Amino acid sequence: MHPLLARLQAAGLVDTRWEPGEHGPSRRYYALTDGGRTLLREQGLAWVGFARATQKLIDPGGSP
């Protein structure tokens, strides 16, 4: 398992499940938990605010 995915799983932000492969080894699938979706929404909003503030620094007059 990738280290980042392992940390997200340990934090309860993703669930994993194994499914048999059709023509090969089993595969692991990942899905966000309710907590993961909440955190994604919160961080997405924070990113939008950061991006807007950064844009104002880059182009304080705004583009027409």
PDB file of N, CA and C in Angstrom:
ATOM      1  N   MET A   1       0.852  -1.169   0.000  1.00  0.00           N
ATOM      2  CA  MET A   1       0.000   0.000   0.000  1.00  0.00           C
ATOM      3  C   MET A   1       0.900   1.235   0.000  1.00  0.00           C
ATOM      4  N   HIS A   2       0.499   2.224  -0.749  1.00  0.00           N
ATOM      5  CA  HIS A   2       1.233   3.488  -0.818  1.00  0.00           C
ATOM      6  C   HIS A   2       1.200   4.154   0.558  1.00  0.00           C
ATOM      7  N   PRO A   3       2.318   4.754   1.014  1.00  0.00           N
ATOM      8  CA  PRO A   3       2.355   5.353   2.356  1.00  0.00           C
ATOM      9  C   PRO A   3       1.272   6.403   2.606  1.00  0.00           C
ATOM     10  N   LEU A   4       0.980   7.223   1.612  1.00  0.00           N
ATOM     11  CA  LEU A   4      -0.058   8.246   1.803  1.00  0.00           C
ATOM     12  C   LEU A   4      -1.425   7.591   2.009  1.00  0.00           C
ATOM     13  N   LEU A   5      -1.732   6.586   1.215  1.00  0.00           N
ATOM     14  CA  LEU A   5      -3.015   5.894   1.368  1.00  0.00           C
ATOM     15  C   LEU A   5      -3.094   5.183   2.715  1.00  0.00           C
ATOM     16  N   ALA A   6      -1.976   4.649   3.172  1.00  0.00           N
ATOM     17  CA  ALA A   6      -1.955   4.004   4.493  1.00  0.00           C
ATOM     18  C   ALA A   6      -2.249   5.020   5.594  1.00  0.00           C
ATOM     19  N   ARG A   7      -1.688   6.236   5.483  1.00  0.00           N
ATOM     20  CA  ARG A   7      -1.961   7.277   6.489  1.00  0.00           C
ATOM     21  C   ARG A   7      -3.422   7.716   6.441  1.00  0.00           C
ATOM     22  N   LEU A   8      -3.978   7.853   5.243  1.00  0.00           N
ATOM     23  CA  LEU A   8      -5.387   8.230   5.119  1.00  0.00           C
ATOM     24  C   LEU A   8      -6.290   7.152   5.717  1.00  0.00           C
ATOM     25  N   GLN A   9      -5.938   5.900   5.507  1.00  0.00           N
ATOM     26  CA  GLN A   9      -6.719   4.803   6.078  1.00  0.00           C
ATOM     27  C   GLN A   9      -6.602   4.812   7.602  1.00  0.00           C
ATOM     28  N   ALA A  10      -5.401   5.008   8.119  1.00  0.00           N
ATOM     29  CA  ALA A  10      -5.202   5.034   9.570  1.00  0.00           C
ATOM     30  C   ALA A  10      -5.963   6.190  10.212  1.00  0.00           C
ATOM     31  N   ALA A  11      -6.119   7.289   9.477  1.00  0.00           N
ATOM     32  CA  ALA A  11      -6.853   8.450   9.982  1.00  0.00           C
ATOM     33  C   ALA A  11      -8.360   8.298   9.819  1.00  0.00           C
ATOM     34  N   GLY A  12      -8.798   7.196   9.193  1.00  0.00           N
ATOM     35  CA  GLY A  12     -10.227   6.969   9.003  1.00  0.00           C
ATOM     36  C   GLY A  12     -10.825   7.773   7.867  1.00  0.00           C
ATOM     37  N   LEU A  13      -9.986   8.231   6.941  1.00  0.00           N
ATOM     38  CA  LEU A  13     -10.469   9.062   5.840  1.00  0.00           C
ATOM     39  C   LEU A  13     -10.777   8.265   4.583  1.00  0.00           C
ATOM     40  N   VAL A  14     -10.220   7.055   4.488  1.00  0.00           N
ATOM     41  CA  VAL A  14     -10.535   6.159   3.370  1.00  0.00           C
ATOM     42  C   VAL A  14     -10.763   4.751   3.900  1.00  0.00           C
ATOM     43  N   ASP A  15     -11.589   4.011   3.198  1.00  0.00           N
ATOM     44  CA  ASP A  15     -11.786   2.581   3.439  1.00  0.00           C
ATOM     45  C   ASP A  15     -11.164   1.842   2.260  1.00  0.00           C
ATOM     46  N   THR A  16     -10.740   0.617   2.506  1.00  0.00           N
ATOM     47  CA  THR A  16     -10.198  -0.200   1.417  1.00  0.00           C
ATOM     48  C   THR A  16     -10.931  -1.527   1.370  1.00  0.00           C
ATOM     49  N   ARG A  17     -10.922  -2.110   0.187  1.00  0.00           N
ATOM     50  CA  ARG A  17     -11.477  -3.445   0.032  1.00  0.00           C
ATOM     51  C   ARG A  17     -10.691  -4.155  -1.062  1.00  0.00           C
ATOM     52  N   TRP A  18     -10.579  -5.458  -0.920  1.00  0.00           N
ATOM     53  CA  TRP A  18      -9.919  -6.291  -1.919  1.00  0.00           C
ATOM     54  C   TRP A  18     -10.977  -6.970  -2.759  1.00  0.00           C
ATOM     55  N   GLU A  19     -10.732  -7.037  -4.056  1.00  0.00           N
ATOM     56  CA  GLU A  19     -11.611  -7.783  -4.949  1.00  0.00           C
ATOM     57  C   GLU A  19     -10.749  -8.635  -5.860  1.00  0.00           C
ATOM     58  N   PRO A  20     -11.210  -9.837  -6.131  1.00  0.00           N
ATOM     59  CA  PRO A  20     -10.429 -10.690  -7.026  1.00  0.00           C
ATOM     60  C   PRO A  20     -10.349 -10.078  -8.421  1.00  0.00           C
ATOM     61  N   GLY A  21      -9.170 -10.192  -9.037  1.00  0.00           N
ATOM     62  CA  GLY A  21      -9.010  -9.718 -10.408  1.00  0.00           C
ATOM     63  C   GLY A  21      -9.615 -10.703 -11.384  1.00  0.00           C
ATOM     64  N   GLU A  22     -10.122 -10.197 -12.487  1.00  0.00           N
ATOM     65  CA  GLU A  22     -10.721 -11.085 -13.486  1.00  0.00           C
ATOM     66  C   GLU A  22      -9.661 -11.953 -14.159  1.00  0.00           C
ATOM     67  N   HIS A  23      -8.504 -11.342 -14.424  1.00  0.00           N
ATOM     68  CA  HIS A  23      -7.460 -12.076 -15.149  1.00  0.00           C
ATOM     69  C   HIS A  23      -6.105 -11.894 -14.473  1.00  0.00           C
ATOM     70  N   GLY A  24      -6.097 -11.906 -13.163  1.00  0.00           N
ATOM     71  CA  GLY A  24      -4.833 -11.717 -12.477  1.00  0.00           C
ATOM     72  C   GLY A  24      -5.036 -11.628 -10.980  1.00  0.00           C
ATOM     73  N   PRO A  25      -4.095 -10.982 -10.319  1.00  0.00           N
ATOM     74  CA  PRO A  25      -4.147 -10.915  -8.858  1.00  0.00           C
ATOM     75  C   PRO A  25      -5.299 -10.043  -8.359  1.00  0.00           C
ATOM     76  N   SER A  26      -5.608 -10.207  -7.094  1.00  0.00           N
ATOM     77  CA  SER A  26      -6.630  -9.377  -6.455  1.00  0.00           C
ATOM     78  C   SER A  26      -6.205  -7.915  -6.502  1.00  0.00           C
ATOM     79  N   ARG A  27      -7.181  -7.033  -6.435  1.00  0.00           N
ATOM     80  CA  ARG A  27      -6.913  -5.596  -6.476  1.00  0.00           C
ATOM     81  C   ARG A  27      -7.522  -4.927  -5.260  1.00  0.00           C
ATOM     82  N   ARG A  28      -6.838  -3.895  -4.797  1.00  0.00           N
ATOM     83  CA  ARG A  28      -7.332  -3.130  -3.663  1.00  0.00           C
ATOM     84  C   ARG A  28      -8.024  -1.881  -4.201  1.00  0.00           C
ATOM     85  N   TYR A  29      -9.209  -1.589  -3.684  1.00  0.00           N
ATOM     86  CA  TYR A  29      -9.970  -0.409  -4.075  1.00  0.00           C
ATOM     87  C   TYR A  29     -10.117   0.501  -2.861  1.00  0.00           C
ATOM     88  N   TYR A  30     -10.089   1.789  -3.106  1.00  0.00           N
ATOM     89  CA  TYR A  30     -10.166   2.795  -2.053  1.00  0.00           C
ATOM     90  C   TYR A  30     -11.417   3.642  -2.249  1.00  0.00           C
ATOM     91  N   ALA A  31     -12.027   4.044  -1.136  1.00  0.00           N
ATOM     92  CA  ALA A  31     -13.192   4.929  -1.182  1.00  0.00           C
ATOM     93  C   ALA A  31     -13.132   5.871   0.010  1.00  0.00           C
ATOM     94  N   LEU A  32     -13.509   7.121  -0.223  1.00  0.00           N
ATOM     95  CA  LEU A  32     -13.554   8.084   0.871  1.00  0.00           C
ATOM     96  C   LEU A  32     -14.641   7.705   1.868  1.00  0.00           C
ATOM     97  N   THR A  33     -14.345   7.908   3.133  1.00  0.00           N
ATOM     98  CA  THR A  33     -15.360   7.739   4.176  1.00  0.00           C
ATOM     99  C   THR A  33     -16.128   9.056   4.279  1.00  0.00           C
ATOM    100  N   ASP A  34     -17.163   9.095   5.110  1.00  0.00           N
ATOM    101  CA  ASP A  34     -17.879  10.358   5.341  1.00  0.00           C
ATOM    102  C   ASP A  34     -16.916  11.427   5.858  1.00  0.00           C
ATOM    103  N   GLY A  35     -16.035  11.036   6.762  1.00  0.00           N
ATOM    104  CA  GLY A  35     -15.042  11.975   7.281  1.00  0.00           C
ATOM    105  C   GLY A  35     -14.086  12.455   6.200  1.00  0.00           C
ATOM    106  N   GLY A  36     -13.721  11.571   5.284  1.00  0.00           N
ATOM    107  CA  GLY A  36     -12.853  11.936   4.171  1.00  0.00           C
ATOM    108  C   GLY A  36     -13.523  12.923   3.233  1.00  0.00           C
ATOM    109  N   ARG A  37     -14.819  12.707   2.975  1.00  0.00           N
ATOM    110  CA  ARG A  37     -15.559  13.639   2.114  1.00  0.00           C
ATOM    111  C   ARG A  37     -15.693  15.003   2.776  1.00  0.00           C
ATOM    112  N   THR A  38     -15.930  15.010   4.085  1.00  0.00           N
ATOM    113  CA  THR A  38     -16.033  16.277   4.816  1.00  0.00           C
ATOM    114  C   THR A  38     -14.717  17.032   4.756  1.00  0.00           C
ATOM    115  N   LEU A  39     -13.620  16.338   5.016  1.00  0.00           N
ATOM    116  CA  LEU A  39     -12.308  16.983   4.977  1.00  0.00           C
ATOM    117  C   LEU A  39     -11.988  17.482   3.572  1.00  0.00           C
ATOM    118  N   LEU A  40     -12.325  16.719   2.558  1.00  0.00           N
ATOM    119  CA  LEU A  40     -12.097  17.136   1.179  1.00  0.00           C
ATOM    120  C   LEU A  40     -12.844  18.425   0.876  1.00  0.00           C
ATOM    121  N   ARG A  41     -14.107  18.497   1.300  1.00  0.00           N
ATOM    122  CA  ARG A  41     -14.908  19.717   1.091  1.00  0.00           C
ATOM    123  C   ARG A  41     -14.272  20.909   1.796  1.00  0.00           C
ATOM    124  N   GLU A  42     -13.890  20.720   3.067  1.00  0.00           N
ATOM    125  CA  GLU A  42     -13.291  21.806   3.852  1.00  0.00           C
ATOM    126  C   GLU A  42     -11.990  22.284   3.226  1.00  0.00           C
ATOM    127  N   GLN A  43     -11.145  21.345   2.841  1.00  0.00           N
ATOM    128  CA  GLN A  43      -9.862  21.736   2.260  1.00  0.00           C
ATOM    129  C   GLN A  43     -10.037  22.325   0.868  1.00  0.00           C
ATOM    130  N   GLY A  44     -11.051  21.880   0.155  1.00  0.00           N
ATOM    131  CA  GLY A  44     -11.351  22.478  -1.152  1.00  0.00           C
ATOM    132  C   GLY A  44     -11.741  23.939  -1.008  1.00  0.00           C
ATOM    133  N   LEU A  45     -12.570  24.242  -0.011  1.00  0.00           N
ATOM    134  CA  LEU A  45     -12.958  25.635   0.233  1.00  0.00           C
ATOM    135  C   LEU A  45     -11.759  26.471   0.661  1.00  0.00           C
ATOM    136  N   ALA A  46     -10.900  25.901   1.495  1.00  0.00           N
ATOM    137  CA  ALA A  46      -9.698  26.621   1.917  1.00  0.00           C
ATOM    138  C   ALA A  46      -8.801  26.895   0.708  1.00  0.00           C
ATOM    139  N   TRP A  47      -8.705  25.931  -0.210  1.00  0.00           N
ATOM    140  CA  TRP A  47      -7.874  26.106  -1.399  1.00  0.00           C
ATOM    141  C   TRP A  47      -8.426  27.227  -2.277  1.00  0.00           C
ATOM    142  N   VAL A  48      -9.737  27.290  -2.440  1.00  0.00           N
ATOM    143  CA  VAL A  48     -10.335  28.344  -3.255  1.00  0.00           C
ATOM    144  C   VAL A  48      -9.985  29.712  -2.659  1.00  0.00           C
ATOM    145  N   GLY A  49     -10.095  29.851  -1.352  1.00  0.00           N
ATOM    146  CA  GLY A  49      -9.735  31.112  -0.698  1.00  0.00           C
ATOM    147  C   GLY A  49      -8.267  31.444  -0.898  1.00  0.00           C
ATOM    148  N   PHE A  50      -7.406  30.465  -0.769  1.00  0.00           N
ATOM    149  CA  PHE A  50      -5.973  30.672  -0.969  1.00  0.00           C
ATOM    150  C   PHE A  50      -5.690  31.091  -2.411  1.00  0.00           C
ATOM    151  N   ALA A  51      -6.326  30.419  -3.368  1.00  0.00           N
ATOM    152  CA  ALA A  51      -6.106  30.731  -4.782  1.00  0.00           C
ATOM    153  C   ALA A  51      -6.572  32.152  -5.100  1.00  0.00           C
ATOM    154  N   ARG A  52      -7.697  32.563  -4.539  1.00  0.00           N
ATOM    155  CA  ARG A  52      -8.181  33.932  -4.772  1.00  0.00           C
ATOM    156  C   ARG A  52      -7.228  34.962  -4.186  1.00  0.00           C
ATOM    157  N   ALA A  53      -6.749  34.725  -2.976  1.00  0.00           N
ATOM    158  CA  ALA A  53      -5.810  35.655  -2.343  1.00  0.00           C
ATOM    159  C   ALA A  53      -4.512  35.731  -3.143  1.00  0.00           C
ATOM    160  N   THR A  54      -4.042  34.587  -3.629  1.00  0.00           N
ATOM    161  CA  THR A  54      -2.829  34.560  -4.437  1.00  0.00           C
ATOM    162  C   THR A  54      -3.040  35.328  -5.745  1.00  0.00           C
ATOM    163  N   GLN A  55      -4.196  35.157  -6.365  1.00  0.00           N
ATOM    164  CA  GLN A  55      -4.492  35.865  -7.618  1.00  0.00           C
ATOM    165  C   GLN A  55      -4.490  37.373  -7.394  1.00  0.00           C
ATOM    166  N   LYS A  56      -5.006  37.828  -6.263  1.00  0.00           N
ATOM    167  CA  LYS A  56      -5.002  39.264  -5.960  1.00  0.00           C
ATOM    168  C   LYS A  56      -3.583  39.783  -5.808  1.00  0.00           C
ATOM    169  N   LEU A  57      -2.687  38.977  -5.270  1.00  0.00           N
ATOM    170  CA  LEU A  57      -1.286  39.386  -5.149  1.00  0.00           C
ATOM    171  C   LEU A  57      -0.621  39.469  -6.523  1.00  0.00           C
ATOM    172  N   ILE A  58      -0.951  38.529  -7.383  1.00  0.00           N
ATOM    173  CA  ILE A  58      -0.353  38.477  -8.713  1.00  0.00           C
ATOM    174  C   ILE A  58      -0.905  39.583  -9.603  1.00  0.00           C
ATOM    175  N   ASP A  59      -2.201  39.816  -9.512  1.00  0.00           N
ATOM    176  CA  ASP A  59      -2.885  40.784 -10.398  1.00  0.00           C
ATOM    177  C   ASP A  59      -3.834  41.635  -9.562  1.00  0.00           C
ATOM    178  N   PRO A  60      -3.294  42.590  -8.776  1.00  0.00           N
ATOM    179  CA  PRO A  60      -4.143  43.357  -7.852  1.00  0.00           C
ATOM    180  C   PRO A  60      -5.250  44.157  -8.534  1.00  0.00           C
ATOM    181  N   GLY A  61      -5.062  44.574  -9.785  1.00  0.00           N
ATOM    182  CA  GLY A  61      -6.085  45.345 -10.476  1.00  0.00           C
ATOM    183  C   GLY A  61      -7.156  44.497 -11.109  1.00  0.00           C
ATOM    184  N   GLY A  62      -6.909  43.228 -11.184  1.00  0.00           N
ATOM    185  CA  GLY A  62      -7.869  42.318 -11.827  1.00  0.00           C
ATOM    186  C   GLY A  62      -7.791  42.420 -13.323  1.00  0.00           C
ATOM    187  N   SER A  63      -8.094  41.346 -13.978  1.00  0.00           N
ATOM    188  CA  SER A  63      -8.090  41.323 -15.445  1.00  0.00           C
ATOM    189  C   SER A  63      -9.483  41.646 -15.947  1.00  0.00           C
ATOM    190  N   PRO A  64      -9.569  42.481 -16.984  1.00  0.00           N
ATOM    191  CA  PRO A  64     -10.904  42.814 -17.543  1.00  0.00           C
ATOM    192  C   PRO A  64     -11.558  41.635 -18.202  1.00  0.00           C
TER     193      PRO A  64
END
